[in-house]
Amino acid sequence: MVLAFAAWLSFAIAAMFHVQNAFWAAMPVWVVAQASRGLLLERAFFRIVGTLIGAAAGFAFVHVPAHPYFPLALLGIWVALNAGLTHILRGVHGYGALFSGATAAIVVIPAVLTPGGSLELAMARVECTLIGVSVVTLVTGILTPSSPRNAFYANVRRVAGAPMTGFDFPPHFQFVDRARRARRVLRCRALLHAPLLPYPQLRIST
């Protein structure tokens, strides 16, 4: 219900300001929405930053006084650069680079292939993105629960620091138990570099 209301409100605001294709404003609502407040704010921030940087780069490429297809070459370099950044930046930080390249493509490709009115259409797309992201952040930010960070790290410490207790098993079984615990620790370390999961408890099985 909350997301549906945020999508409707985004569409209503875009339509009120007579933005072309106002229904675009509802699309970012479903993409940015997250299960934890911290991830929602991070995702919204990097979506806005990436959109603004990509739009600025796209409009700059279009206005370069050169051959009409030269902006496409600049766009290819820009998209390749941002694609590389998505592999370098960790977690949600690469989200900004992703939409920086995508927004530049939205601006440049229509302007080169179908000149005349395409820049206004690209500007409307950017405006709808900013409206949708702002609305979903304000509407759902308060109702979205915070991330269970403390429970997550407590579970990691419990798994990583649990003593080797039990009965007097043969050495083979002790080795298997140590290997099993090592796999659990590696999984926890991998999860530490990923976005936090929106679950109240993290259960790691073998």
N, C-alpha and C. Protein backbone atom coordinates (compact mmCIF):
# COMPACT_ATOMS: atom_id res chain seq x y z
N MET A 1 0.82 -1.20 0.00
CA MET A 1 0.00 0.00 0.00
C MET A 1 0.86 1.26 0.00
N VAL A 2 1.91 1.25 0.81
CA VAL A 2 2.75 2.44 0.91
C VAL A 2 3.47 2.70 -0.41
N LEU A 3 3.99 1.65 -1.03
CA LEU A 3 4.67 1.82 -2.31
C LEU A 3 3.69 2.26 -3.40
N ALA A 4 2.50 1.70 -3.38
CA ALA A 4 1.50 2.10 -4.35
C ALA A 4 1.14 3.58 -4.18
N PHE A 5 1.01 4.02 -2.94
CA PHE A 5 0.72 5.43 -2.69
C PHE A 5 1.88 6.31 -3.15
N ALA A 6 3.12 5.88 -2.89
CA ALA A 6 4.28 6.65 -3.32
C ALA A 6 4.35 6.73 -4.85
N ALA A 7 4.03 5.64 -5.53
CA ALA A 7 4.02 5.65 -6.99
C ALA A 7 2.94 6.59 -7.52
N TRP A 8 1.75 6.52 -6.92
CA TRP A 8 0.67 7.42 -7.35
C TRP A 8 1.03 8.88 -7.09
N LEU A 9 1.62 9.16 -5.93
CA LEU A 9 1.99 10.54 -5.60
C LEU A 9 3.06 11.06 -6.55
N SER A 10 4.02 10.21 -6.92
CA SER A 10 5.05 10.63 -7.87
C SER A 10 4.43 10.98 -9.22
N PHE A 11 3.52 10.13 -9.67
CA PHE A 11 2.84 10.41 -10.94
C PHE A 11 2.03 11.70 -10.85
N ALA A 12 1.34 11.91 -9.72
CA ALA A 12 0.51 13.11 -9.56
C ALA A 12 1.37 14.37 -9.57
N ILE A 13 2.50 14.34 -8.91
CA ILE A 13 3.37 15.52 -8.87
C ILE A 13 3.93 15.81 -10.26
N ALA A 14 4.38 14.78 -10.96
CA ALA A 14 4.90 14.98 -12.31
C ALA A 14 3.82 15.51 -13.24
N ALA A 15 2.60 14.99 -13.12
CA ALA A 15 1.51 15.47 -13.96
C ALA A 15 1.12 16.90 -13.60
N MET A 16 1.21 17.23 -12.32
CA MET A 16 0.86 18.58 -11.90
C MET A 16 1.82 19.62 -12.49
N PHE A 17 3.09 19.23 -12.63
CA PHE A 17 4.07 20.13 -13.23
C PHE A 17 4.18 19.96 -14.75
N HIS A 18 3.25 19.20 -15.33
CA HIS A 18 3.17 19.01 -16.78
C HIS A 18 4.47 18.45 -17.37
N VAL A 19 5.04 17.48 -16.68
CA VAL A 19 6.23 16.80 -17.18
C VAL A 19 5.80 15.77 -18.22
N GLN A 20 6.53 15.70 -19.32
CA GLN A 20 6.19 14.73 -20.35
C GLN A 20 6.29 13.31 -19.82
N ASN A 21 5.35 12.48 -20.24
CA ASN A 21 5.32 11.07 -19.81
C ASN A 21 5.45 10.97 -18.28
N ALA A 22 4.49 11.56 -17.60
CA ALA A 22 4.55 11.63 -16.13
C ALA A 22 4.57 10.27 -15.47
N PHE A 23 4.12 9.23 -16.18
CA PHE A 23 4.10 7.89 -15.58
C PHE A 23 5.51 7.38 -15.30
N TRP A 24 6.52 7.98 -15.95
CA TRP A 24 7.90 7.58 -15.66
C TRP A 24 8.26 7.82 -14.20
N ALA A 25 7.63 8.80 -13.57
CA ALA A 25 7.97 9.13 -12.18
C ALA A 25 7.65 8.00 -11.22
N ALA A 26 6.72 7.13 -11.59
CA ALA A 26 6.36 6.02 -10.71
C ALA A 26 7.35 4.87 -10.78
N MET A 27 8.15 4.80 -11.85
CA MET A 27 9.05 3.66 -12.03
C MET A 27 10.15 3.59 -10.97
N PRO A 28 10.85 4.71 -10.66
CA PRO A 28 11.93 4.61 -9.65
C PRO A 28 11.44 4.20 -8.28
N VAL A 29 10.15 4.40 -8.00
CA VAL A 29 9.63 4.05 -6.68
C VAL A 29 9.83 2.57 -6.39
N TRP A 30 9.55 1.72 -7.36
CA TRP A 30 9.64 0.28 -7.15
C TRP A 30 11.09 -0.21 -7.19
N VAL A 31 11.99 0.58 -7.78
CA VAL A 31 13.39 0.17 -7.87
C VAL A 31 14.16 0.58 -6.62
N VAL A 32 13.88 1.77 -6.11
CA VAL A 32 14.64 2.30 -4.98
C VAL A 32 14.17 1.72 -3.66
N ALA A 33 12.91 1.35 -3.55
CA ALA A 33 12.36 0.86 -2.29
C ALA A 33 13.14 -0.34 -1.77
N GLN A 34 13.46 -0.30 -0.47
CA GLN A 34 14.23 -1.36 0.17
C GLN A 34 13.57 -1.76 1.48
N ALA A 35 14.04 -2.86 2.05
CA ALA A 35 13.45 -3.37 3.28
C ALA A 35 14.05 -2.75 4.54
N SER A 36 15.18 -2.05 4.42
CA SER A 36 15.79 -1.40 5.57
C SER A 36 16.03 0.06 5.25
N ARG A 37 15.93 0.92 6.26
CA ARG A 37 16.01 2.37 6.05
C ARG A 37 17.38 2.81 5.57
N GLY A 38 18.43 2.23 6.13
CA GLY A 38 19.77 2.64 5.72
C GLY A 38 20.04 2.35 4.26
N LEU A 39 19.65 1.16 3.81
CA LEU A 39 19.85 0.80 2.41
C LEU A 39 18.98 1.65 1.49
N LEU A 40 17.78 2.00 1.95
CA LEU A 40 16.90 2.87 1.17
C LEU A 40 17.53 4.24 0.97
N LEU A 41 18.07 4.83 2.04
CA LEU A 41 18.67 6.16 1.92
C LEU A 41 19.92 6.13 1.05
N GLU A 42 20.73 5.08 1.22
CA GLU A 42 21.93 4.96 0.39
C GLU A 42 21.57 4.81 -1.09
N ARG A 43 20.61 3.95 -1.36
CA ARG A 43 20.22 3.70 -2.74
C ARG A 43 19.63 4.97 -3.38
N ALA A 44 18.80 5.69 -2.61
CA ALA A 44 18.22 6.93 -3.13
C ALA A 44 19.30 7.97 -3.38
N PHE A 45 20.25 8.08 -2.47
CA PHE A 45 21.32 9.07 -2.62
C PHE A 45 22.14 8.80 -3.87
N PHE A 46 22.58 7.57 -4.04
CA PHE A 46 23.42 7.25 -5.20
C PHE A 46 22.61 7.27 -6.50
N ARG A 47 21.30 7.00 -6.43
CA ARG A 47 20.47 7.10 -7.65
C ARG A 47 20.38 8.56 -8.09
N ILE A 48 20.19 9.47 -7.14
CA ILE A 48 20.10 10.90 -7.49
C ILE A 48 21.44 11.41 -8.00
N VAL A 49 22.51 11.08 -7.28
CA VAL A 49 23.84 11.55 -7.70
C VAL A 49 24.20 10.99 -9.07
N GLY A 50 23.98 9.70 -9.27
CA GLY A 50 24.29 9.10 -10.57
C GLY A 50 23.46 9.68 -11.69
N THR A 51 22.18 9.96 -11.42
CA THR A 51 21.31 10.56 -12.44
C THR A 51 21.78 11.96 -12.82
N LEU A 52 22.12 12.76 -11.82
CA LEU A 52 22.57 14.13 -12.10
C LEU A 52 23.89 14.14 -12.87
N ILE A 53 24.83 13.31 -12.45
CA ILE A 53 26.13 13.27 -13.14
C ILE A 53 25.96 12.75 -14.56
N GLY A 54 25.17 11.69 -14.73
CA GLY A 54 24.95 11.15 -16.06
C GLY A 54 24.23 12.12 -16.97
N ALA A 55 23.24 12.84 -16.44
CA ALA A 55 22.52 13.83 -17.25
C ALA A 55 23.45 14.97 -17.67
N ALA A 56 24.27 15.43 -16.72
CA ALA A 56 25.22 16.51 -17.05
C ALA A 56 26.20 16.06 -18.13
N ALA A 57 26.71 14.85 -18.00
CA ALA A 57 27.64 14.34 -19.01
C ALA A 57 26.95 14.16 -20.36
N GLY A 58 25.72 13.64 -20.35
CA GLY A 58 24.99 13.43 -21.60
C GLY A 58 24.71 14.73 -22.34
N PHE A 59 24.24 15.73 -21.63
CA PHE A 59 23.97 17.02 -22.27
C PHE A 59 25.26 17.68 -22.74
N ALA A 60 26.35 17.48 -22.02
CA ALA A 60 27.64 18.02 -22.47
C ALA A 60 28.10 17.34 -23.75
N PHE A 61 27.92 16.02 -23.85
CA PHE A 61 28.31 15.31 -25.07
C PHE A 61 27.49 15.77 -26.28
N VAL A 62 26.21 16.00 -26.06
CA VAL A 62 25.34 16.40 -27.17
C VAL A 62 25.73 17.77 -27.72
N HIS A 63 26.19 18.64 -26.87
CA HIS A 63 26.51 20.00 -27.29
C HIS A 63 27.97 20.16 -27.72
N VAL A 64 28.69 19.07 -27.89
CA VAL A 64 30.07 19.18 -28.40
C VAL A 64 30.02 19.55 -29.88
N PRO A 65 30.67 20.63 -30.29
CA PRO A 65 30.64 21.05 -31.70
C PRO A 65 31.52 20.15 -32.57
N ALA A 66 30.98 19.03 -32.98
CA ALA A 66 31.75 18.08 -33.80
C ALA A 66 30.76 17.30 -34.67
N HIS A 67 31.23 16.22 -35.27
CA HIS A 67 30.38 15.37 -36.09
C HIS A 67 29.21 14.86 -35.25
N PRO A 68 28.02 14.74 -35.85
CA PRO A 68 26.86 14.32 -35.06
C PRO A 68 27.04 12.99 -34.33
N TYR A 69 27.87 12.09 -34.88
CA TYR A 69 28.06 10.80 -34.23
C TYR A 69 29.22 10.80 -33.23
N PHE A 70 29.91 11.92 -33.10
CA PHE A 70 31.00 12.00 -32.12
C PHE A 70 30.48 11.85 -30.69
N PRO A 71 29.29 12.41 -30.35
CA PRO A 71 28.76 12.16 -29.00
C PRO A 71 28.56 10.68 -28.68
N LEU A 72 28.29 9.87 -29.70
CA LEU A 72 28.14 8.43 -29.44
C LEU A 72 29.46 7.81 -29.02
N ALA A 73 30.57 8.28 -29.61
CA ALA A 73 31.88 7.78 -29.20
C ALA A 73 32.19 8.19 -27.77
N LEU A 74 31.87 9.44 -27.43
CA LEU A 74 32.07 9.89 -26.05
C LEU A 74 31.18 9.10 -25.09
N LEU A 75 29.96 8.80 -25.54
CA LEU A 75 29.05 8.02 -24.70
C LEU A 75 29.60 6.62 -24.47
N GLY A 76 30.18 6.01 -25.50
CA GLY A 76 30.75 4.69 -25.33
C GLY A 76 31.86 4.67 -24.29
N ILE A 77 32.71 5.69 -24.32
CA ILE A 77 33.79 5.79 -23.32
C ILE A 77 33.21 5.98 -21.93
N TRP A 78 32.19 6.84 -21.84
CA TRP A 78 31.57 7.12 -20.55
C TRP A 78 30.89 5.87 -19.96
N VAL A 79 30.17 5.14 -20.79
CA VAL A 79 29.50 3.92 -20.32
C VAL A 79 30.53 2.87 -19.89
N ALA A 80 31.62 2.74 -20.66
CA ALA A 80 32.67 1.79 -20.29
C ALA A 80 33.31 2.17 -18.96
N LEU A 81 33.53 3.46 -18.76
CA LEU A 81 34.12 3.92 -17.50
C LEU A 81 33.21 3.60 -16.32
N ASN A 82 31.94 3.89 -16.46
CA ASN A 82 31.00 3.62 -15.36
C ASN A 82 30.78 2.12 -15.16
N ALA A 83 30.81 1.36 -16.25
CA ALA A 83 30.70 -0.09 -16.10
C ALA A 83 31.89 -0.65 -15.31
N GLY A 84 33.08 -0.10 -15.56
CA GLY A 84 34.23 -0.52 -14.77
C GLY A 84 34.10 -0.13 -13.31
N LEU A 85 33.52 1.05 -13.05
CA LEU A 85 33.36 1.49 -11.66
C LEU A 85 32.38 0.61 -10.90
N THR A 86 31.40 0.03 -11.58
CA THR A 86 30.47 -0.85 -10.89
C THR A 86 31.16 -2.10 -10.35
N HIS A 87 32.29 -2.48 -10.94
CA HIS A 87 33.04 -3.63 -10.44
C HIS A 87 34.08 -3.23 -9.40
N ILE A 88 34.42 -1.96 -9.35
CA ILE A 88 35.41 -1.49 -8.38
C ILE A 88 34.74 -1.05 -7.08
N LEU A 89 33.65 -0.30 -7.21
CA LEU A 89 32.94 0.18 -6.03
C LEU A 89 32.16 -0.96 -5.39
N ARG A 90 32.16 -1.00 -4.08
CA ARG A 90 31.53 -2.10 -3.36
C ARG A 90 30.07 -1.80 -3.04
N GLY A 91 29.27 -2.85 -3.05
CA GLY A 91 27.89 -2.74 -2.59
C GLY A 91 27.08 -1.75 -3.38
N VAL A 92 26.30 -0.95 -2.64
CA VAL A 92 25.38 0.00 -3.26
C VAL A 92 26.11 1.19 -3.87
N HIS A 93 27.40 1.35 -3.58
CA HIS A 93 28.15 2.47 -4.14
C HIS A 93 28.21 2.39 -5.67
N GLY A 94 28.22 1.18 -6.21
CA GLY A 94 28.24 1.05 -7.66
C GLY A 94 26.92 1.39 -8.32
N TYR A 95 25.87 1.58 -7.52
CA TYR A 95 24.56 1.93 -8.07
C TYR A 95 24.59 3.30 -8.73
N GLY A 96 25.36 4.23 -8.16
CA GLY A 96 25.48 5.55 -8.76
C GLY A 96 26.17 5.51 -10.10
N ALA A 97 27.24 4.72 -10.21
CA ALA A 97 27.94 4.59 -11.48
C ALA A 97 27.05 3.93 -12.53
N LEU A 98 26.25 2.96 -12.10
CA LEU A 98 25.35 2.28 -13.04
C LEU A 98 24.39 3.25 -13.70
N PHE A 99 23.75 4.10 -12.89
CA PHE A 99 22.78 5.03 -13.45
C PHE A 99 23.42 6.27 -14.03
N SER A 100 24.66 6.52 -13.72
CA SER A 100 25.38 7.58 -14.41
C SER A 100 25.56 7.24 -15.89
N GLY A 101 25.94 6.01 -16.15
CA GLY A 101 26.07 5.59 -17.54
C GLY A 101 24.73 5.45 -18.24
N ALA A 102 23.73 4.91 -17.52
CA ALA A 102 22.40 4.71 -18.14
C ALA A 102 21.74 6.05 -18.45
N THR A 103 21.84 7.02 -17.56
CA THR A 103 21.21 8.32 -17.81
C THR A 103 21.87 9.04 -18.97
N ALA A 104 23.18 8.96 -19.07
CA ALA A 104 23.87 9.57 -20.21
C ALA A 104 23.40 8.96 -21.52
N ALA A 105 23.19 7.64 -21.54
CA ALA A 105 22.69 6.99 -22.75
C ALA A 105 21.28 7.44 -23.08
N ILE A 106 20.44 7.64 -22.06
CA ILE A 106 19.07 8.11 -22.29
C ILE A 106 19.07 9.49 -22.93
N VAL A 107 20.06 10.30 -22.59
CA VAL A 107 20.13 11.66 -23.13
C VAL A 107 20.73 11.67 -24.53
N VAL A 108 21.82 10.95 -24.73
CA VAL A 108 22.60 11.07 -25.96
C VAL A 108 21.97 10.33 -27.14
N ILE A 109 21.56 9.09 -26.94
CA ILE A 109 21.10 8.27 -28.07
C ILE A 109 19.89 8.87 -28.78
N PRO A 110 18.84 9.28 -28.08
CA PRO A 110 17.73 9.90 -28.81
C PRO A 110 18.11 11.22 -29.47
N ALA A 111 19.00 11.99 -28.81
CA ALA A 111 19.39 13.28 -29.38
C ALA A 111 20.17 13.12 -30.67
N VAL A 112 20.92 12.05 -30.81
CA VAL A 112 21.72 11.82 -32.01
C VAL A 112 20.89 11.17 -33.11
N LEU A 113 20.10 10.16 -32.76
CA LEU A 113 19.36 9.41 -33.77
C LEU A 113 18.09 10.12 -34.23
N THR A 114 17.42 10.80 -33.31
CA THR A 114 16.19 11.51 -33.67
C THR A 114 16.25 12.93 -33.12
N PRO A 115 17.03 13.79 -33.73
CA PRO A 115 17.13 15.17 -33.22
C PRO A 115 15.81 15.92 -33.39
N GLY A 116 15.62 16.90 -32.51
CA GLY A 116 14.39 17.68 -32.56
C GLY A 116 13.39 17.22 -31.52
N GLY A 117 13.42 17.85 -30.36
CA GLY A 117 12.50 17.49 -29.30
C GLY A 117 12.97 16.39 -28.39
N SER A 118 14.05 15.70 -28.77
CA SER A 118 14.52 14.59 -27.95
C SER A 118 15.17 15.07 -26.66
N LEU A 119 15.78 16.26 -26.68
CA LEU A 119 16.40 16.78 -25.47
C LEU A 119 15.34 17.08 -24.40
N GLU A 120 14.21 17.61 -24.84
CA GLU A 120 13.13 17.85 -23.88
C GLU A 120 12.61 16.54 -23.29
N LEU A 121 12.56 15.51 -24.12
CA LEU A 121 12.13 14.20 -23.63
C LEU A 121 13.13 13.63 -22.63
N ALA A 122 14.42 13.80 -22.91
CA ALA A 122 15.44 13.31 -21.98
C ALA A 122 15.40 14.09 -20.67
N MET A 123 15.18 15.39 -20.76
CA MET A 123 15.07 16.19 -19.54
C MET A 123 13.85 15.76 -18.72
N ALA A 124 12.75 15.43 -19.40
CA ALA A 124 11.57 14.95 -18.68
C ALA A 124 11.86 13.63 -17.97
N ARG A 125 12.65 12.78 -18.60
CA ARG A 125 13.00 11.50 -17.97
C ARG A 125 13.83 11.73 -16.71
N VAL A 126 14.75 12.66 -16.77
CA VAL A 126 15.57 12.97 -15.60
C VAL A 126 14.70 13.57 -14.49
N GLU A 127 13.80 14.46 -14.86
CA GLU A 127 12.93 15.08 -13.87
C GLU A 127 12.03 14.03 -13.21
N CYS A 128 11.50 13.10 -13.99
CA CYS A 128 10.66 12.05 -13.41
C CYS A 128 11.45 11.17 -12.46
N THR A 129 12.70 10.88 -12.80
CA THR A 129 13.53 10.08 -11.91
C THR A 129 13.76 10.78 -10.58
N LEU A 130 14.07 12.05 -10.63
CA LEU A 130 14.31 12.80 -9.40
C LEU A 130 13.04 12.90 -8.56
N ILE A 131 11.90 13.09 -9.21
CA ILE A 131 10.63 13.16 -8.47
C ILE A 131 10.33 11.82 -7.81
N GLY A 132 10.45 10.73 -8.55
CA GLY A 132 10.13 9.42 -7.99
C GLY A 132 11.03 9.03 -6.84
N VAL A 133 12.33 9.28 -6.98
CA VAL A 133 13.27 8.92 -5.91
C VAL A 133 13.01 9.77 -4.67
N SER A 134 12.76 11.05 -4.85
CA SER A 134 12.52 11.93 -3.71
C SER A 134 11.24 11.53 -2.97
N VAL A 135 10.20 11.21 -3.72
CA VAL A 135 8.92 10.86 -3.09
C VAL A 135 9.02 9.54 -2.33
N VAL A 136 9.61 8.52 -2.94
CA VAL A 136 9.68 7.22 -2.26
C VAL A 136 10.57 7.31 -1.02
N THR A 137 11.59 8.16 -1.05
CA THR A 137 12.45 8.31 0.13
C THR A 137 11.70 8.98 1.27
N LEU A 138 10.93 10.02 0.94
CA LEU A 138 10.20 10.75 1.99
C LEU A 138 9.01 9.94 2.52
N VAL A 139 8.32 9.24 1.62
CA VAL A 139 7.10 8.52 2.04
C VAL A 139 7.44 7.25 2.81
N THR A 140 8.39 6.47 2.32
CA THR A 140 8.68 5.18 2.94
C THR A 140 9.84 5.24 3.93
N GLY A 141 10.59 6.34 3.97
CA GLY A 141 11.75 6.40 4.86
C GLY A 141 11.39 6.27 6.32
N ILE A 142 10.27 6.86 6.72
CA ILE A 142 9.89 6.83 8.12
C ILE A 142 9.35 5.45 8.51
N LEU A 143 8.59 4.83 7.62
CA LEU A 143 7.96 3.54 7.94
C LEU A 143 8.89 2.36 7.75
N THR A 144 9.98 2.55 7.02
CA THR A 144 10.91 1.43 6.79
C THR A 144 11.74 1.17 8.04
N PRO A 145 11.83 -0.06 8.52
CA PRO A 145 12.61 -0.34 9.73
C PRO A 145 14.11 -0.19 9.48
N SER A 146 14.82 0.03 10.57
CA SER A 146 16.27 0.15 10.46
C SER A 146 16.90 -1.22 10.22
N SER A 147 18.13 -1.23 9.75
CA SER A 147 18.81 -2.47 9.42
C SER A 147 19.25 -3.19 10.70
N PRO A 148 19.09 -4.52 10.75
CA PRO A 148 19.50 -5.29 11.94
C PRO A 148 21.01 -5.47 12.00
N ARG A 149 21.75 -4.37 12.01
CA ARG A 149 23.20 -4.45 11.97
C ARG A 149 23.78 -5.11 13.21
N ASN A 150 23.28 -4.70 14.38
CA ASN A 150 23.84 -5.25 15.62
C ASN A 150 23.63 -6.75 15.71
N ALA A 151 22.44 -7.22 15.35
CA ALA A 151 22.18 -8.66 15.38
C ALA A 151 23.05 -9.40 14.38
N PHE A 152 23.29 -8.77 13.24
CA PHE A 152 24.12 -9.40 12.22
C PHE A 152 25.56 -9.59 12.72
N TYR A 153 26.17 -8.53 13.26
CA TYR A 153 27.54 -8.63 13.74
C TYR A 153 27.64 -9.54 14.96
N ALA A 154 26.62 -9.56 15.79
CA ALA A 154 26.64 -10.47 16.94
C ALA A 154 26.64 -11.92 16.48
N ASN A 155 25.87 -12.20 15.43
CA ASN A 155 25.85 -13.56 14.90
C ASN A 155 27.19 -13.92 14.26
N VAL A 156 27.82 -12.96 13.59
CA VAL A 156 29.14 -13.21 13.00
C VAL A 156 30.16 -13.52 14.09
N ARG A 157 30.16 -12.72 15.17
CA ARG A 157 31.11 -12.97 16.26
C ARG A 157 30.85 -14.31 16.93
N ARG A 158 29.57 -14.69 17.04
CA ARG A 158 29.26 -15.97 17.66
C ARG A 158 29.77 -17.13 16.83
N VAL A 159 29.58 -17.04 15.50
CA VAL A 159 30.04 -18.12 14.63
C VAL A 159 31.56 -18.17 14.56
N ALA A 160 32.20 -16.99 14.48
CA ALA A 160 33.65 -16.96 14.31
C ALA A 160 34.39 -17.31 15.60
N GLY A 161 33.80 -16.97 16.75
CA GLY A 161 34.52 -17.18 18.00
C GLY A 161 34.01 -18.32 18.85
N ALA A 162 33.13 -19.15 18.31
CA ALA A 162 32.60 -20.26 19.09
C ALA A 162 33.69 -21.27 19.40
N PRO A 163 33.83 -21.72 20.63
CA PRO A 163 34.87 -22.69 20.97
C PRO A 163 34.55 -24.07 20.41
N MET A 164 35.58 -24.87 20.27
CA MET A 164 35.44 -26.25 19.79
C MET A 164 35.09 -27.14 20.98
N THR A 165 33.80 -27.25 21.27
CA THR A 165 33.35 -28.06 22.40
C THR A 165 32.61 -29.28 21.88
N GLY A 166 32.51 -30.30 22.73
CA GLY A 166 31.78 -31.50 22.32
C GLY A 166 32.39 -32.73 22.96
N PHE A 167 32.06 -33.82 22.40
CA PHE A 167 32.55 -35.08 22.93
C PHE A 167 33.91 -35.40 22.32
N ASP A 168 34.47 -36.50 22.78
CA ASP A 168 35.79 -36.91 22.32
C ASP A 168 35.65 -37.70 21.02
N PHE A 169 35.48 -36.94 19.92
CA PHE A 169 35.36 -37.59 18.62
C PHE A 169 36.74 -37.93 18.08
N PRO A 170 36.82 -38.83 17.12
CA PRO A 170 38.10 -39.14 16.47
C PRO A 170 38.65 -37.90 15.76
N PRO A 171 39.95 -37.86 15.47
CA PRO A 171 40.56 -36.70 14.81
C PRO A 171 39.90 -36.36 13.48
N HIS A 172 39.41 -37.39 12.77
CA HIS A 172 38.79 -37.12 11.47
C HIS A 172 37.56 -36.22 11.64
N PHE A 173 36.74 -36.53 12.66
CA PHE A 173 35.53 -35.73 12.86
C PHE A 173 35.88 -34.34 13.36
N GLN A 174 36.93 -34.20 14.15
CA GLN A 174 37.36 -32.87 14.59
C GLN A 174 37.81 -32.03 13.40
N PHE A 175 38.49 -32.66 12.45
CA PHE A 175 38.92 -31.93 11.26
C PHE A 175 37.72 -31.47 10.43
N VAL A 176 36.73 -32.34 10.31
CA VAL A 176 35.52 -31.97 9.55
C VAL A 176 34.81 -30.82 10.23
N ASP A 177 34.76 -30.85 11.57
CA ASP A 177 34.09 -29.78 12.31
C ASP A 177 34.83 -28.46 12.11
N ARG A 178 36.17 -28.50 12.16
CA ARG A 178 36.94 -27.27 11.95
C ARG A 178 36.74 -26.74 10.53
N ALA A 179 36.72 -27.62 9.55
CA ALA A 179 36.49 -27.18 8.17
C ALA A 179 35.10 -26.58 8.01
N ARG A 180 34.14 -27.17 8.71
CA ARG A 180 32.78 -26.64 8.63
C ARG A 180 32.71 -25.24 9.22
N ARG A 181 33.39 -25.04 10.34
CA ARG A 181 33.41 -23.71 10.96
C ARG A 181 34.15 -22.71 10.07
N ALA A 182 35.19 -23.15 9.42
CA ALA A 182 35.93 -22.25 8.53
C ALA A 182 35.05 -21.79 7.37
N ARG A 183 34.24 -22.70 6.85
CA ARG A 183 33.32 -22.30 5.78
C ARG A 183 32.31 -21.28 6.28
N ARG A 184 31.83 -21.45 7.50
CA ARG A 184 30.89 -20.49 8.07
C ARG A 184 31.52 -19.11 8.20
N VAL A 185 32.77 -19.08 8.68
CA VAL A 185 33.47 -17.79 8.83
C VAL A 185 33.64 -17.12 7.48
N LEU A 186 34.01 -17.89 6.45
CA LEU A 186 34.20 -17.31 5.12
C LEU A 186 32.89 -16.76 4.59
N ARG A 187 31.79 -17.46 4.84
CA ARG A 187 30.49 -16.94 4.40
C ARG A 187 30.17 -15.64 5.10
N CYS A 188 30.45 -15.58 6.39
CA CYS A 188 30.17 -14.34 7.13
C CYS A 188 31.02 -13.18 6.61
N ARG A 189 32.30 -13.46 6.32
CA ARG A 189 33.15 -12.39 5.80
C ARG A 189 32.66 -11.92 4.43
N ALA A 190 32.16 -12.84 3.62
CA ALA A 190 31.63 -12.44 2.31
C ALA A 190 30.38 -11.59 2.47
N LEU A 191 29.54 -11.95 3.45
CA LEU A 191 28.32 -11.18 3.67
C LEU A 191 28.61 -9.79 4.20
N LEU A 192 29.74 -9.62 4.89
CA LEU A 192 30.08 -8.31 5.43
C LEU A 192 30.30 -7.29 4.32
N HIS A 193 30.71 -7.74 3.14
CA HIS A 193 30.96 -6.84 2.01
C HIS A 193 29.74 -6.72 1.10
N ALA A 194 28.63 -7.34 1.47
CA ALA A 194 27.41 -7.26 0.67
C ALA A 194 26.41 -6.41 1.42
N PRO A 195 25.37 -5.89 0.72
CA PRO A 195 24.33 -5.13 1.43
C PRO A 195 23.68 -5.98 2.50
N LEU A 196 23.35 -5.36 3.64
CA LEU A 196 22.79 -6.09 4.76
C LEU A 196 21.43 -6.65 4.39
N LEU A 197 21.18 -7.87 4.83
CA LEU A 197 19.92 -8.53 4.49
C LEU A 197 18.82 -8.04 5.41
N PRO A 198 17.62 -7.86 4.90
CA PRO A 198 16.53 -7.32 5.71
C PRO A 198 15.83 -8.40 6.53
N TYR A 199 16.59 -9.18 7.28
CA TYR A 199 16.00 -10.23 8.10
C TYR A 199 16.37 -9.96 9.55
N PRO A 200 15.45 -10.26 10.48
CA PRO A 200 15.77 -10.01 11.89
C PRO A 200 16.88 -10.89 12.40
N GLN A 201 17.07 -12.08 11.82
CA GLN A 201 18.13 -12.97 12.25
C GLN A 201 18.80 -13.56 11.03
N LEU A 202 20.08 -13.74 11.13
CA LEU A 202 20.84 -14.34 10.03
C LEU A 202 21.20 -15.76 10.43
N ARG A 203 20.76 -16.71 9.66
CA ARG A 203 21.04 -18.12 9.94
C ARG A 203 21.96 -18.65 8.86
N ILE A 204 23.07 -19.15 9.26
CA ILE A 204 24.06 -19.69 8.32
C ILE A 204 24.14 -21.18 8.54
N SER A 205 23.81 -21.94 7.53
CA SER A 205 23.84 -23.39 7.62
C SER A 205 25.00 -23.92 6.86
N THR A 206 25.30 -25.15 7.10
CA THR A 206 26.41 -25.79 6.43
C THR A 206 25.93 -26.48 5.19
